[in-house]
């Protein structure tokens, strides 16, 4: 009974997104949320989610040409293509890295917030590229290096608190006879 109810709710949510996109075709933020919903649903219910996948691909084509900044859609779409069509996956990952670089160039103070997801996209792209590194990747790694190095130098790590010991000595439990 719960599976039937769950499927019914998923269909209703899918239709709700479809109707909302039809009413607001210029709302790219809505398109991003719909595409992410479809891709997540596809990854959890692969055989039963072909219509969701088709919708996600269609929405992604519109999202790529918009000004909306959401790296997760690039990660999810690349994940879908990865292993099936590696050229498309590389293209999606490149677009995501390019979008990150453009966004950070305009908003340098926000680079810390998106670096983990962008790093995942970059690693996936590197795994797919044979021997050449995309110029966008070079710019990305320069940005990331500055970001992580700056954050590392600004943080003061207390080794004693992290390890639970003082000056390299470890606390041991008393021996039991």
N, C-alpha and C. Protein backbone atom coordinates (compact mmCIF):
# COMPACT_ATOMS: atom_id res chain seq x y z
N UNK A 1 0.82 -1.19 0.00
CA UNK A 1 0.00 0.00 0.00
C UNK A 1 0.87 1.26 0.00
N UNK A 2 1.95 1.25 0.80
CA UNK A 2 2.81 2.44 0.85
C UNK A 2 3.54 2.67 -0.47
N UNK A 3 3.90 1.57 -1.17
CA UNK A 3 4.56 1.73 -2.47
C UNK A 3 3.61 2.37 -3.48
N UNK A 4 2.36 1.97 -3.45
CA UNK A 4 1.38 2.54 -4.37
C UNK A 4 1.19 4.02 -4.06
N UNK A 5 1.08 4.35 -2.80
CA UNK A 5 0.92 5.74 -2.39
C UNK A 5 2.15 6.56 -2.76
N UNK A 6 3.32 5.99 -2.56
CA UNK A 6 4.57 6.68 -2.90
C UNK A 6 4.65 6.94 -4.41
N UNK A 7 4.30 5.96 -5.22
CA UNK A 7 4.31 6.14 -6.68
C UNK A 7 3.30 7.20 -7.12
N UNK A 8 2.15 7.20 -6.47
CA UNK A 8 1.12 8.18 -6.79
C UNK A 8 1.63 9.59 -6.47
N UNK A 9 2.25 9.75 -5.32
CA UNK A 9 2.80 11.05 -4.95
C UNK A 9 3.91 11.50 -5.90
N UNK A 10 4.75 10.55 -6.33
CA UNK A 10 5.82 10.88 -7.27
C UNK A 10 5.24 11.34 -8.61
N UNK A 11 4.19 10.66 -9.09
CA UNK A 11 3.55 11.07 -10.34
C UNK A 11 2.93 12.45 -10.21
N UNK A 12 2.30 12.69 -9.06
CA UNK A 12 1.68 14.00 -8.84
C UNK A 12 2.74 15.10 -8.81
N UNK A 13 3.86 14.84 -8.16
CA UNK A 13 4.93 15.83 -8.11
C UNK A 13 5.52 16.07 -9.50
N UNK A 14 5.70 15.01 -10.26
CA UNK A 14 6.21 15.12 -11.62
C UNK A 14 5.27 15.98 -12.47
N UNK A 15 3.97 15.71 -12.39
CA UNK A 15 2.99 16.49 -13.16
C UNK A 15 2.94 17.94 -12.68
N UNK A 16 3.08 18.12 -11.38
CA UNK A 16 3.09 19.47 -10.82
C UNK A 16 4.26 20.27 -11.41
N UNK A 17 5.44 19.65 -11.48
CA UNK A 17 6.60 20.31 -12.08
C UNK A 17 6.34 20.60 -13.56
N UNK A 18 5.81 19.61 -14.29
CA UNK A 18 5.54 19.80 -15.71
C UNK A 18 4.60 20.98 -15.94
N UNK A 19 3.53 21.03 -15.18
CA UNK A 19 2.55 22.11 -15.32
C UNK A 19 3.17 23.46 -14.97
N UNK A 20 3.96 23.48 -13.92
CA UNK A 20 4.60 24.73 -13.51
C UNK A 20 5.56 25.24 -14.58
N UNK A 21 6.30 24.34 -15.21
CA UNK A 21 7.23 24.74 -16.28
C UNK A 21 6.44 25.24 -17.50
N UNK A 22 5.31 24.61 -17.79
CA UNK A 22 4.48 25.08 -18.92
C UNK A 22 3.93 26.48 -18.65
N UNK A 23 3.55 26.73 -17.39
CA UNK A 23 3.02 28.05 -17.03
C UNK A 23 4.11 29.11 -16.98
N UNK A 24 5.33 28.71 -16.63
CA UNK A 24 6.45 29.65 -16.45
C UNK A 24 7.67 29.19 -17.24
N UNK A 25 7.61 29.20 -18.56
CA UNK A 25 8.73 28.67 -19.35
C UNK A 25 10.03 29.47 -19.22
N UNK A 26 9.96 30.71 -18.78
CA UNK A 26 11.17 31.52 -18.65
C UNK A 26 11.80 31.41 -17.27
N UNK A 27 11.20 30.66 -16.37
CA UNK A 27 11.73 30.50 -15.01
C UNK A 27 12.78 29.38 -15.01
N UNK A 28 14.04 29.76 -15.21
CA UNK A 28 15.10 28.76 -15.31
C UNK A 28 15.43 28.14 -13.96
N UNK A 29 15.18 28.84 -12.89
CA UNK A 29 15.36 28.26 -11.56
C UNK A 29 14.41 27.09 -11.35
N UNK A 30 13.18 27.24 -11.81
CA UNK A 30 12.20 26.16 -11.76
C UNK A 30 12.64 24.99 -12.64
N UNK A 31 13.15 25.30 -13.80
CA UNK A 31 13.65 24.25 -14.69
C UNK A 31 14.79 23.46 -14.04
N UNK A 32 15.66 24.16 -13.34
CA UNK A 32 16.78 23.50 -12.65
C UNK A 32 16.23 22.54 -11.59
N UNK A 33 15.29 23.01 -10.78
CA UNK A 33 14.72 22.15 -9.73
C UNK A 33 14.03 20.94 -10.33
N UNK A 34 13.32 21.14 -11.44
CA UNK A 34 12.63 20.04 -12.11
C UNK A 34 13.63 19.03 -12.67
N UNK A 35 14.66 19.51 -13.32
CA UNK A 35 15.66 18.60 -13.89
C UNK A 35 16.38 17.83 -12.79
N UNK A 36 16.71 18.48 -11.68
CA UNK A 36 17.36 17.77 -10.56
C UNK A 36 16.42 16.74 -9.96
N UNK A 37 15.15 17.07 -9.83
CA UNK A 37 14.17 16.10 -9.34
C UNK A 37 14.13 14.88 -10.25
N UNK A 38 14.07 15.12 -11.56
CA UNK A 38 14.00 14.02 -12.53
C UNK A 38 15.26 13.15 -12.48
N UNK A 39 16.42 13.77 -12.41
CA UNK A 39 17.66 12.99 -12.38
C UNK A 39 17.80 12.19 -11.09
N UNK A 40 17.45 12.80 -9.97
CA UNK A 40 17.50 12.05 -8.71
C UNK A 40 16.53 10.88 -8.75
N UNK A 41 15.36 11.11 -9.29
CA UNK A 41 14.38 10.03 -9.40
C UNK A 41 14.91 8.93 -10.33
N UNK A 42 15.55 9.32 -11.40
CA UNK A 42 16.12 8.34 -12.33
C UNK A 42 17.19 7.50 -11.63
N UNK A 43 18.07 8.13 -10.87
CA UNK A 43 19.14 7.39 -10.21
C UNK A 43 18.62 6.43 -9.15
N UNK A 44 17.48 6.70 -8.56
CA UNK A 44 16.94 5.80 -7.54
C UNK A 44 15.98 4.77 -8.11
N UNK A 45 15.36 5.04 -9.25
CA UNK A 45 14.38 4.11 -9.85
C UNK A 45 14.67 3.93 -11.33
N UNK A 46 15.83 3.53 -11.70
CA UNK A 46 16.28 3.58 -13.10
C UNK A 46 15.30 3.00 -14.11
N UNK A 47 14.83 1.80 -13.92
CA UNK A 47 13.98 1.17 -14.93
C UNK A 47 12.64 1.89 -15.07
N UNK A 48 12.12 2.40 -13.98
CA UNK A 48 10.78 2.99 -14.00
C UNK A 48 10.80 4.50 -14.23
N UNK A 49 11.94 5.06 -14.56
CA UNK A 49 12.03 6.51 -14.62
C UNK A 49 12.48 7.05 -15.97
N UNK A 50 12.19 6.37 -17.05
CA UNK A 50 12.62 6.83 -18.37
C UNK A 50 11.99 8.17 -18.74
N UNK A 51 10.73 8.37 -18.41
CA UNK A 51 10.09 9.65 -18.72
C UNK A 51 10.75 10.79 -17.94
N UNK A 52 11.18 10.49 -16.72
CA UNK A 52 11.87 11.49 -15.93
C UNK A 52 13.20 11.87 -16.57
N UNK A 53 13.88 10.89 -17.08
CA UNK A 53 15.17 11.14 -17.72
C UNK A 53 15.00 11.99 -18.97
N UNK A 54 14.02 11.67 -19.78
CA UNK A 54 13.75 12.46 -20.99
C UNK A 54 13.46 13.90 -20.63
N UNK A 55 12.66 14.09 -19.61
CA UNK A 55 12.32 15.44 -19.16
C UNK A 55 13.56 16.17 -18.64
N UNK A 56 14.41 15.47 -17.91
CA UNK A 56 15.63 16.08 -17.38
C UNK A 56 16.55 16.55 -18.50
N UNK A 57 16.71 15.74 -19.53
CA UNK A 57 17.56 16.11 -20.67
C UNK A 57 16.97 17.33 -21.37
N UNK A 58 15.66 17.35 -21.56
CA UNK A 58 15.03 18.50 -22.21
C UNK A 58 15.21 19.77 -21.39
N UNK A 59 15.02 19.68 -20.08
CA UNK A 59 15.19 20.84 -19.23
C UNK A 59 16.64 21.31 -19.21
N UNK A 60 17.57 20.36 -19.20
CA UNK A 60 18.99 20.71 -19.17
C UNK A 60 19.38 21.53 -20.39
N UNK A 61 18.85 21.18 -21.54
CA UNK A 61 19.16 21.92 -22.77
C UNK A 61 18.77 23.39 -22.64
N UNK A 62 17.68 23.67 -21.93
CA UNK A 62 17.26 25.07 -21.71
C UNK A 62 18.09 25.73 -20.62
N UNK A 63 18.47 24.98 -19.61
CA UNK A 63 19.21 25.52 -18.46
C UNK A 63 20.61 25.97 -18.86
N UNK A 64 21.24 25.21 -19.75
CA UNK A 64 22.62 25.50 -20.14
C UNK A 64 22.76 26.91 -20.71
N UNK A 65 21.75 27.37 -21.39
CA UNK A 65 21.82 28.67 -22.04
C UNK A 65 21.26 29.80 -21.17
N UNK A 66 21.00 29.53 -19.92
CA UNK A 66 20.46 30.55 -19.02
C UNK A 66 21.56 31.10 -18.12
N UNK A 67 21.19 32.08 -17.32
CA UNK A 67 22.13 32.69 -16.39
C UNK A 67 22.08 32.06 -15.00
N UNK A 68 21.28 31.03 -14.83
CA UNK A 68 21.12 30.38 -13.53
C UNK A 68 22.41 29.65 -13.18
N UNK A 69 22.87 29.85 -11.93
CA UNK A 69 24.08 29.17 -11.47
C UNK A 69 23.69 28.07 -10.49
N UNK A 70 23.78 26.83 -10.92
CA UNK A 70 23.51 25.68 -10.07
C UNK A 70 24.40 24.54 -10.57
N UNK A 71 25.50 24.31 -9.87
CA UNK A 71 26.46 23.29 -10.30
C UNK A 71 25.93 21.88 -10.18
N UNK A 72 24.99 21.66 -9.28
CA UNK A 72 24.50 20.30 -9.07
C UNK A 72 23.87 19.72 -10.32
N UNK A 73 23.22 20.54 -11.13
CA UNK A 73 22.60 20.03 -12.35
C UNK A 73 23.67 19.54 -13.33
N UNK A 74 24.81 20.21 -13.37
CA UNK A 74 25.91 19.77 -14.24
C UNK A 74 26.50 18.46 -13.71
N UNK A 75 26.62 18.37 -12.41
CA UNK A 75 27.14 17.14 -11.81
C UNK A 75 26.20 15.96 -12.10
N UNK A 76 24.91 16.15 -11.87
CA UNK A 76 23.95 15.06 -12.08
C UNK A 76 23.83 14.66 -13.55
N UNK A 77 23.81 15.65 -14.43
CA UNK A 77 23.69 15.34 -15.86
C UNK A 77 24.95 14.64 -16.36
N UNK A 78 26.10 15.11 -15.91
CA UNK A 78 27.35 14.45 -16.28
C UNK A 78 27.41 13.03 -15.74
N UNK A 79 26.92 12.85 -14.53
CA UNK A 79 26.87 11.52 -13.93
C UNK A 79 26.00 10.57 -14.77
N UNK A 80 24.90 11.09 -15.29
CA UNK A 80 24.06 10.26 -16.15
C UNK A 80 24.80 9.83 -17.41
N UNK A 81 25.46 10.78 -18.08
CA UNK A 81 26.14 10.46 -19.33
C UNK A 81 27.43 9.66 -19.12
N UNK A 82 28.06 9.82 -17.96
CA UNK A 82 29.34 9.16 -17.67
C UNK A 82 29.19 7.64 -17.82
N UNK A 83 29.97 7.06 -18.73
CA UNK A 83 29.92 5.62 -18.96
C UNK A 83 29.01 5.24 -20.11
N UNK A 84 28.04 6.08 -20.42
CA UNK A 84 27.14 5.81 -21.55
C UNK A 84 27.60 6.56 -22.79
N UNK A 85 27.87 7.84 -22.61
CA UNK A 85 28.35 8.69 -23.69
C UNK A 85 29.38 9.65 -23.08
N UNK A 86 30.61 9.20 -23.05
CA UNK A 86 31.65 9.96 -22.36
C UNK A 86 31.94 11.32 -22.99
N UNK A 87 31.74 11.46 -24.28
CA UNK A 87 31.92 12.76 -24.93
C UNK A 87 30.90 13.76 -24.42
N UNK A 88 29.65 13.32 -24.30
CA UNK A 88 28.62 14.21 -23.75
C UNK A 88 28.91 14.52 -22.28
N UNK A 89 29.37 13.53 -21.55
CA UNK A 89 29.71 13.74 -20.13
C UNK A 89 30.81 14.77 -20.01
N UNK A 90 31.86 14.66 -20.85
CA UNK A 90 32.95 15.64 -20.81
C UNK A 90 32.43 17.04 -21.12
N UNK A 91 31.55 17.13 -22.10
CA UNK A 91 31.00 18.43 -22.48
C UNK A 91 30.19 19.03 -21.34
N UNK A 92 29.38 18.22 -20.67
CA UNK A 92 28.56 18.70 -19.55
C UNK A 92 29.47 19.14 -18.40
N UNK A 93 30.47 18.33 -18.08
CA UNK A 93 31.39 18.69 -17.00
C UNK A 93 32.16 19.97 -17.33
N UNK A 94 32.59 20.11 -18.59
CA UNK A 94 33.30 21.34 -19.02
C UNK A 94 32.40 22.56 -18.85
N UNK A 95 31.13 22.41 -19.25
CA UNK A 95 30.20 23.53 -19.11
C UNK A 95 30.03 23.91 -17.64
N UNK A 96 29.98 22.92 -16.77
CA UNK A 96 29.86 23.19 -15.34
C UNK A 96 31.07 23.93 -14.79
N UNK A 97 32.26 23.50 -15.19
CA UNK A 97 33.49 24.16 -14.74
C UNK A 97 33.56 25.58 -15.30
N UNK A 98 33.18 25.74 -16.56
CA UNK A 98 33.17 27.07 -17.18
C UNK A 98 32.19 27.99 -16.43
N UNK A 99 31.02 27.46 -16.10
CA UNK A 99 30.02 28.24 -15.37
C UNK A 99 30.57 28.64 -13.99
N UNK A 100 31.25 27.71 -13.32
CA UNK A 100 31.87 28.01 -12.02
C UNK A 100 32.90 29.12 -12.16
N UNK A 101 33.79 29.00 -13.15
CA UNK A 101 34.83 30.01 -13.35
C UNK A 101 34.23 31.39 -13.63
N UNK A 102 33.18 31.43 -14.45
CA UNK A 102 32.53 32.70 -14.76
C UNK A 102 31.87 33.30 -13.52
N UNK A 103 31.22 32.46 -12.75
CA UNK A 103 30.54 32.91 -11.55
C UNK A 103 31.53 33.45 -10.52
N UNK A 104 32.62 32.74 -10.35
CA UNK A 104 33.63 33.15 -9.37
C UNK A 104 34.35 34.42 -9.82
N UNK A 105 34.51 34.60 -11.12
CA UNK A 105 35.12 35.83 -11.62
C UNK A 105 34.25 37.04 -11.26
N UNK A 106 32.92 36.85 -11.27
CA UNK A 106 32.00 37.93 -10.94
C UNK A 106 31.78 38.06 -9.43
N UNK A 107 31.89 36.94 -8.70
CA UNK A 107 31.62 36.92 -7.26
C UNK A 107 32.74 36.20 -6.51
N UNK A 108 33.92 36.76 -6.45
CA UNK A 108 35.07 36.04 -5.86
C UNK A 108 34.90 35.67 -4.39
N UNK A 109 34.08 36.40 -3.67
CA UNK A 109 33.91 36.10 -2.24
C UNK A 109 33.08 34.84 -2.00
N UNK A 110 32.39 34.36 -3.02
CA UNK A 110 31.52 33.20 -2.85
C UNK A 110 32.15 31.89 -3.32
N UNK A 111 33.42 31.91 -3.68
CA UNK A 111 34.03 30.70 -4.23
C UNK A 111 34.11 29.56 -3.22
N UNK A 112 34.18 29.88 -1.93
CA UNK A 112 34.25 28.83 -0.90
C UNK A 112 32.98 27.99 -0.87
N UNK A 113 31.85 28.60 -1.19
CA UNK A 113 30.57 27.92 -1.06
C UNK A 113 30.35 26.82 -2.10
N UNK A 114 31.00 26.93 -3.23
CA UNK A 114 30.72 25.99 -4.32
C UNK A 114 31.91 25.12 -4.70
N UNK A 115 33.01 25.25 -3.99
CA UNK A 115 34.24 24.61 -4.42
C UNK A 115 34.17 23.09 -4.32
N UNK A 116 33.47 22.53 -3.34
CA UNK A 116 33.45 21.07 -3.21
C UNK A 116 32.75 20.41 -4.39
N UNK A 117 31.59 20.94 -4.76
CA UNK A 117 30.86 20.37 -5.89
C UNK A 117 31.63 20.59 -7.19
N UNK A 118 32.21 21.77 -7.35
CA UNK A 118 33.01 22.05 -8.54
C UNK A 118 34.23 21.13 -8.60
N UNK A 119 34.81 20.84 -7.45
CA UNK A 119 35.95 19.93 -7.41
C UNK A 119 35.53 18.52 -7.86
N UNK A 120 34.37 18.07 -7.44
CA UNK A 120 33.86 16.77 -7.89
C UNK A 120 33.67 16.74 -9.39
N UNK A 121 33.13 17.81 -9.95
CA UNK A 121 32.95 17.90 -11.40
C UNK A 121 34.31 17.86 -12.09
N UNK A 122 35.26 18.60 -11.57
CA UNK A 122 36.61 18.64 -12.16
C UNK A 122 37.27 17.27 -12.12
N UNK A 123 37.11 16.54 -11.03
CA UNK A 123 37.70 15.20 -10.93
C UNK A 123 37.07 14.25 -11.94
N UNK A 124 35.77 14.35 -12.12
CA UNK A 124 35.10 13.51 -13.12
C UNK A 124 35.57 13.85 -14.53
N UNK A 125 35.75 15.14 -14.79
CA UNK A 125 36.25 15.55 -16.10
C UNK A 125 37.67 15.06 -16.32
N UNK A 126 38.52 15.17 -15.31
CA UNK A 126 39.89 14.67 -15.45
C UNK A 126 39.91 13.16 -15.70
N UNK A 127 39.01 12.44 -15.07
CA UNK A 127 38.96 10.99 -15.27
C UNK A 127 38.58 10.64 -16.71
N UNK A 128 37.82 11.49 -17.36
CA UNK A 128 37.39 11.22 -18.73
C UNK A 128 38.38 11.71 -19.79
N UNK A 129 39.16 12.73 -19.46
CA UNK A 129 40.09 13.26 -20.44
C UNK A 129 41.37 12.43 -20.44
N UNK A 130 41.83 12.12 -21.62
CA UNK A 130 43.01 11.26 -21.75
C UNK A 130 44.28 11.97 -21.30
N UNK A 131 44.82 12.80 -22.14
CA UNK A 131 46.10 13.43 -21.80
C UNK A 131 46.05 14.95 -21.85
N UNK A 132 44.95 15.51 -22.26
CA UNK A 132 44.88 16.97 -22.34
C UNK A 132 43.98 17.50 -21.24
N UNK A 133 44.41 18.60 -20.68
CA UNK A 133 43.60 19.27 -19.67
C UNK A 133 42.97 20.50 -20.30
N UNK A 134 41.71 20.67 -20.09
CA UNK A 134 40.96 21.80 -20.62
C UNK A 134 41.47 23.09 -19.98
N UNK A 135 41.56 24.18 -20.74
CA UNK A 135 42.01 25.46 -20.17
C UNK A 135 41.12 25.93 -19.00
N UNK A 136 39.84 25.60 -19.07
CA UNK A 136 38.94 25.96 -17.97
C UNK A 136 39.34 25.22 -16.69
N UNK A 137 39.82 23.99 -16.84
CA UNK A 137 40.29 23.23 -15.67
C UNK A 137 41.52 23.88 -15.06
N UNK A 138 42.40 24.36 -15.91
CA UNK A 138 43.60 25.04 -15.41
C UNK A 138 43.22 26.25 -14.57
N UNK A 139 42.30 27.06 -15.08
CA UNK A 139 41.83 28.21 -14.33
C UNK A 139 41.13 27.78 -13.04
N UNK A 140 40.34 26.73 -13.12
CA UNK A 140 39.65 26.22 -11.93
C UNK A 140 40.64 25.81 -10.84
N UNK A 141 41.66 25.05 -11.20
CA UNK A 141 42.62 24.58 -10.20
C UNK A 141 43.45 25.73 -9.62
N UNK A 142 43.70 26.75 -10.40
CA UNK A 142 44.38 27.92 -9.85
C UNK A 142 43.49 28.59 -8.80
N UNK A 143 42.22 28.67 -9.09
CA UNK A 143 41.26 29.26 -8.15
C UNK A 143 41.14 28.40 -6.90
N UNK A 144 41.03 27.11 -7.08
CA UNK A 144 40.86 26.19 -5.95
C UNK A 144 42.10 26.20 -5.07
N UNK A 145 43.25 26.19 -5.69
CA UNK A 145 44.50 26.21 -4.93
C UNK A 145 44.54 27.44 -4.03
N UNK A 146 44.20 28.59 -4.57
CA UNK A 146 44.17 29.81 -3.78
C UNK A 146 43.13 29.71 -2.67
N UNK A 147 42.00 29.16 -2.99
CA UNK A 147 40.91 29.05 -2.02
C UNK A 147 41.29 28.15 -0.87
N UNK A 148 41.73 26.94 -1.16
CA UNK A 148 42.05 26.00 -0.10
C UNK A 148 43.29 26.41 0.68
N UNK A 149 44.30 26.92 0.00
CA UNK A 149 45.50 27.35 0.70
C UNK A 149 45.18 28.51 1.64
N UNK A 150 44.38 29.45 1.17
CA UNK A 150 44.00 30.58 2.01
C UNK A 150 43.22 30.10 3.22
N UNK A 151 42.26 29.22 3.01
CA UNK A 151 41.45 28.71 4.11
C UNK A 151 42.32 27.92 5.10
N UNK A 152 43.25 27.14 4.58
CA UNK A 152 44.13 26.36 5.45
C UNK A 152 44.99 27.26 6.32
N UNK A 153 45.54 28.30 5.72
CA UNK A 153 46.40 29.21 6.47
C UNK A 153 45.62 30.06 7.47
N UNK A 154 44.35 30.32 7.17
CA UNK A 154 43.54 31.13 8.09
C UNK A 154 43.05 30.33 9.29
N UNK A 155 42.87 29.03 9.12
CA UNK A 155 42.38 28.20 10.22
C UNK A 155 43.54 27.82 11.13
N UNK A 156 43.27 27.82 12.40
CA UNK A 156 44.26 27.37 13.37
C UNK A 156 43.76 26.05 13.92
N UNK A 157 44.47 25.01 13.62
CA UNK A 157 44.06 23.69 14.04
C UNK A 157 44.79 23.35 15.33
N UNK A 158 44.05 22.95 16.33
CA UNK A 158 44.61 22.55 17.60
C UNK A 158 44.81 21.04 17.57
N UNK A 159 46.04 20.62 17.38
CA UNK A 159 46.36 19.20 17.24
C UNK A 159 45.93 18.42 18.48
N UNK A 160 46.09 19.00 19.64
CA UNK A 160 45.73 18.30 20.88
C UNK A 160 44.24 17.95 20.88
N UNK A 161 43.42 18.91 20.49
CA UNK A 161 41.97 18.66 20.46
C UNK A 161 41.59 17.67 19.37
N UNK A 162 42.28 17.71 18.26
CA UNK A 162 41.95 16.83 17.14
C UNK A 162 42.30 15.37 17.43
N UNK A 163 43.42 15.14 18.11
CA UNK A 163 43.86 13.76 18.34
C UNK A 163 43.50 13.24 19.71
N UNK A 164 43.15 14.12 20.62
CA UNK A 164 42.83 13.69 21.97
C UNK A 164 44.06 13.38 22.79
N UNK A 165 45.20 13.84 22.35
CA UNK A 165 46.43 13.58 23.08
C UNK A 165 47.27 14.84 23.14
N UNK A 166 48.26 14.82 23.99
CA UNK A 166 49.15 15.97 24.12
C UNK A 166 50.55 15.60 23.67
N UNK A 167 51.16 16.43 22.84
CA UNK A 167 52.55 16.28 22.38
C UNK A 167 52.85 14.89 21.83
N UNK A 168 51.92 14.35 21.09
CA UNK A 168 52.18 13.07 20.43
C UNK A 168 52.03 11.86 21.31
N UNK A 169 51.81 12.03 22.62
CA UNK A 169 51.61 10.86 23.47
C UNK A 169 50.15 10.51 23.44
N UNK A 170 49.87 9.27 23.41
CA UNK A 170 48.47 8.88 23.35
C UNK A 170 48.06 8.30 24.71
N UNK A 171 46.82 8.56 25.00
CA UNK A 171 46.27 8.02 26.24
C UNK A 171 45.89 6.58 26.00
N UNK A 172 46.30 5.72 26.87
CA UNK A 172 45.96 4.30 26.71
C UNK A 172 45.10 3.86 27.87
N UNK A 173 44.30 2.89 27.61
CA UNK A 173 43.44 2.35 28.66
C UNK A 173 44.29 1.52 29.60
N UNK A 174 43.94 1.47 30.88
CA UNK A 174 44.71 0.66 31.81
C UNK A 174 44.62 -0.82 31.44
N UNK A 175 45.70 -1.50 31.69
CA UNK A 175 45.75 -2.96 31.38
C UNK A 175 44.84 -3.70 32.32
N UNK A 176 44.17 -4.69 31.78
CA UNK A 176 43.28 -5.52 32.60
C UNK A 176 43.95 -6.86 32.80
N UNK A 177 44.08 -7.31 34.06
CA UNK A 177 44.73 -8.60 34.36
C UNK A 177 43.75 -9.72 34.32
